[in-house]
C-alpha atoms as a PDB file:
ATOM      1  CA  UNK A   1      -0.267  -0.098   0.359  1.00  0.00           C
ATOM      2  CA  UNK A   2       1.114   3.296  -1.377  1.00  0.00           C
ATOM      3  CA  UNK A   3       1.355   6.627   1.372  1.00  0.00           C
ATOM      4  CA  UNK A   4      -1.268   9.037   0.349  1.00  0.00           C
ATOM      5  CA  UNK A   5       0.416  11.877   2.642  1.00  0.00           C
ATOM      6  CA  UNK A   6       4.068  13.347   1.370  1.00  0.00           C
ATOM      7  CA  UNK A   7       5.036  14.670   5.302  1.00  0.00           C
ATOM      8  CA  UNK A   8       8.053  13.906   5.526  1.00  0.00           C
ATOM      9  CA  UNK A   9       8.071  18.368   5.621  1.00  0.00           C
ATOM     10  CA  UNK A  10       9.419  18.983   2.845  1.00  0.00           C
ATOM     11  CA  UNK A  11       6.846  21.100   2.289  1.00  0.00           C
ATOM     12  CA  UNK A  12       4.798  22.370   4.714  1.00  0.00           C
ATOM     13  CA  UNK A  13       6.994  23.714   7.124  1.00  0.00           C
ATOM     14  CA  UNK A  14       7.718  26.502   4.942  1.00  0.00           C
ATOM     15  CA  UNK A  15       4.399  27.744   5.022  1.00  0.00           C
ATOM     16  CA  UNK A  16       4.081  26.839   7.790  1.00  0.00           C
ATOM     17  CA  UNK A  17       3.548  29.789  10.921  1.00  0.00           C
ATOM     18  CA  UNK A  18       6.136  29.083  14.733  1.00  0.00           C
ATOM     19  CA  UNK A  19       5.681  32.094  16.157  1.00  0.00           C
ATOM     20  CA  UNK A  20       3.819  34.622  13.358  1.00  0.00           C
ATOM     21  CA  UNK A  21       0.749  35.274  16.071  1.00  0.00           C
ATOM     22  CA  UNK A  22       0.065  37.570  13.991  1.00  0.00           C
ATOM     23  CA  UNK A  23      -3.153  36.578  12.629  1.00  0.00           C
ATOM     24  CA  UNK A  24      -5.426  36.043  16.011  1.00  0.00           C
ATOM     25  CA  UNK A  25      -7.283  38.684  17.116  1.00  0.00           C
ATOM     26  CA  UNK A  26      -7.377  40.385  20.641  1.00  0.00           C
ATOM     27  CA  UNK A  27     -10.619  39.028  23.425  1.00  0.00           C
ATOM     28  CA  UNK A  28     -11.130  42.944  23.820  1.00  0.00           C
ATOM     29  CA  UNK A  29     -10.713  45.341  20.385  1.00  0.00           C
ATOM     30  CA  UNK A  30     -11.818  48.314  18.850  1.00  0.00           C
ATOM     31  CA  UNK A  31     -14.709  47.981  15.877  1.00  0.00           C
ATOM     32  CA  UNK A  32     -13.200  51.100  14.978  1.00  0.00           C
ATOM     33  CA  UNK A  33     -10.504  53.687  15.294  1.00  0.00           C
ATOM     34  CA  UNK A  34     -10.676  56.049  18.469  1.00  0.00           C
ATOM     35  CA  UNK A  35     -10.186  59.938  16.534  1.00  0.00           C
ATOM     36  CA  UNK A  36      -7.651  62.240  17.060  1.00  0.00           C
ATOM     37  CA  UNK A  37      -8.290  64.905  19.600  1.00  0.00           C
ATOM     38  CA  UNK A  38      -6.493  68.798  17.850  1.00  0.00           C
ATOM     39  CA  UNK A  39      -6.220  69.493  14.372  1.00  0.00           C
ATOM     40  CA  UNK A  40      -3.569  70.059  11.412  1.00  0.00           C
ATOM     41  CA  UNK A  41      -2.800  73.485  10.931  1.00  0.00           C
ATOM     42  CA  UNK A  42      -1.691  74.490   7.648  1.00  0.00           C
ATOM     43  CA  UNK A  43       1.082  76.701   6.670  1.00  0.00           C
ATOM     44  CA  UNK A  44       2.403  76.432   3.396  1.00  0.00           C
ATOM     45  CA  UNK A  45       0.372  76.860   0.287  1.00  0.00           C
ATOM     46  CA  UNK A  46      -0.115  75.035  -2.903  1.00  0.00           C
ATOM     47  CA  UNK A  47       2.967  76.280  -3.856  1.00  0.00           C
ATOM     48  CA  UNK A  48       4.986  75.605  -0.452  1.00  0.00           C
ATOM     49  CA  UNK A  49       5.848  79.011   0.181  1.00  0.00           C
ATOM     50  CA  UNK A  50       5.013  79.594   3.951  1.00  0.00           C
ATOM     51  CA  UNK A  51       1.859  82.030   4.546  1.00  0.00           C
ATOM     52  CA  UNK A  52       2.045  84.898   5.905  1.00  0.00           C
ATOM     53  CA  UNK A  53       0.280  84.624   9.613  1.00  0.00           C
ATOM     54  CA  UNK A  54       3.137  81.393   9.570  1.00  0.00           C
ATOM     55  CA  UNK A  55       5.794  83.418  12.375  1.00  0.00           C
ATOM     56  CA  UNK A  56       9.421  83.214  10.601  1.00  0.00           C
ATOM     57  CA  UNK A  57      13.361  82.941  11.659  1.00  0.00           C
ATOM     58  CA  UNK A  58      14.572  85.851  12.342  1.00  0.00           C
ATOM     59  CA  UNK A  59      18.055  84.191  11.289  1.00  0.00           C
ATOM     60  CA  UNK A  60      18.124  81.494   9.007  1.00  0.00           C
ATOM     61  CA  UNK A  61      14.733  81.067   5.862  1.00  0.00           C
ATOM     62  CA  UNK A  62      14.875  77.446   6.688  1.00  0.00           C
ATOM     63  CA  UNK A  63      13.755  77.760  10.161  1.00  0.00           C
ATOM     64  CA  UNK A  64      16.110  76.316  13.540  1.00  0.00           C
ATOM     65  CA  UNK A  65      16.458  73.005  11.767  1.00  0.00           C
ATOM     66  CA  UNK A  66      19.554  71.272  12.316  1.00  0.00           C
ATOM     67  CA  UNK A  67      20.196  68.475   8.574  1.00  0.00           C
ATOM     68  CA  UNK A  68      22.410  64.864  10.060  1.00  0.00           C
ATOM     69  CA  UNK A  69      25.089  66.449   8.534  1.00  0.00           C
ATOM     70  CA  UNK A  70      25.177  69.813  10.882  1.00  0.00           C
ATOM     71  CA  UNK A  71      24.730  66.810  14.316  1.00  0.00           C
ATOM     72  CA  UNK A  72      27.445  66.164  15.936  1.00  0.00           C
ATOM     73  CA  UNK A  73      29.277  62.110  15.033  1.00  0.00           C
ATOM     74  CA  UNK A  74      28.678  60.997  18.318  1.00  0.00           C
ATOM     75  CA  UNK A  75      25.014  62.021  19.951  1.00  0.00           C
ATOM     76  CA  UNK A  76      25.252  60.416  24.175  1.00  0.00           C
ATOM     77  CA  UNK A  77      22.398  59.338  25.459  1.00  0.00           C
ATOM     78  CA  UNK A  78      20.863  60.616  29.002  1.00  0.00           C
ATOM     79  CA  UNK A  79      22.462  58.500  31.355  1.00  0.00           C
ATOM     80  CA  UNK A  80      20.425  58.649  34.389  1.00  0.00           C
ATOM     81  CA  UNK A  81      22.681  56.721  36.687  1.00  0.00           C
ATOM     82  CA  UNK A  82      26.565  55.593  36.485  1.00  0.00           C
ATOM     83  CA  UNK A  83      25.721  51.916  38.070  1.00  0.00           C
ATOM     84  CA  UNK A  84      28.200  49.712  36.808  1.00  0.00           C
ATOM     85  CA  UNK A  85      30.336  51.618  34.698  1.00  0.00           C
ATOM     86  CA  UNK A  86      33.750  52.246  35.150  1.00  0.00           C
ATOM     87  CA  UNK A  87      35.203  55.612  35.839  1.00  0.00           C
ATOM     88  CA  UNK A  88      36.897  56.034  32.597  1.00  0.00           C
ATOM     89  CA  UNK A  89      33.643  54.768  30.929  1.00  0.00           C
ATOM     90  CA  UNK A  90      32.094  57.453  33.067  1.00  0.00           C
ATOM     91  CA  UNK A  91      34.693  60.562  32.239  1.00  0.00           C
ATOM     92  CA  UNK A  92      34.291  59.490  28.390  1.00  0.00           C
ATOM     93  CA  UNK A  93      30.788  59.853  28.624  1.00  0.00           C
ATOM     94  CA  UNK A  94      30.461  63.598  30.347  1.00  0.00           C
ATOM     95  CA  UNK A  95      33.014  64.727  27.812  1.00  0.00           C
ATOM     96  CA  UNK A  96      30.786  62.423  24.878  1.00  0.00           C
ATOM     97  CA  UNK A  97      27.647  64.930  26.436  1.00  0.00           C
ATOM     98  CA  UNK A  98      29.838  68.181  26.604  1.00  0.00           C
ATOM     99  CA  UNK A  99      31.352  67.464  22.916  1.00  0.00           C
ATOM    100  CA  UNK A 100      27.662  66.997  21.346  1.00  0.00           C
ATOM    101  CA  UNK A 101      26.489  70.149  23.612  1.00  0.00           C
ATOM    102  CA  UNK A 102      28.709  72.121  21.803  1.00  0.00           C
ATOM    103  CA  UNK A 103      27.908  71.245  18.856  1.00  0.00           C
ATOM    104  CA  UNK A 104      24.157  71.057  18.551  1.00  0.00           C
ATOM    105  CA  UNK A 105      25.063  74.621  19.987  1.00  0.00           C
ATOM    106  CA  UNK A 106      27.763  75.791  17.470  1.00  0.00           C
ATOM    107  CA  UNK A 107      25.313  74.175  14.846  1.00  0.00           C
ATOM    108  CA  UNK A 108      22.620  76.305  15.724  1.00  0.00           C
ATOM    109  CA  UNK A 109      24.707  79.727  15.878  1.00  0.00           C
ATOM    110  CA  UNK A 110      25.989  79.220  13.377  1.00  0.00           C
ATOM    111  CA  UNK A 111      22.340  79.084  10.522  1.00  0.00           C
END
């Protein structure tokens, strides 16, 4: 008698999702999404020009925007505690923070 079911995990394995589980519905879910509060304020016309009532920057027509080119190479994260940091690592983090702040201030004043 020949086998009618050729399993041996040849084809089913690729199509069987083990960890995906995004097909399940939660027990409680909303039929409609919540409405957002607030509104969108239009600051430019159809041609991309700023409207007359929009406040403009006195320094530059592009505003106070700092692009990635103007930012420092490293930005130190916020450190709430120095637990498990060596003295060297604490000093290095502090130096990196001060350099990043100086670089950001320099980028802002240069514009």
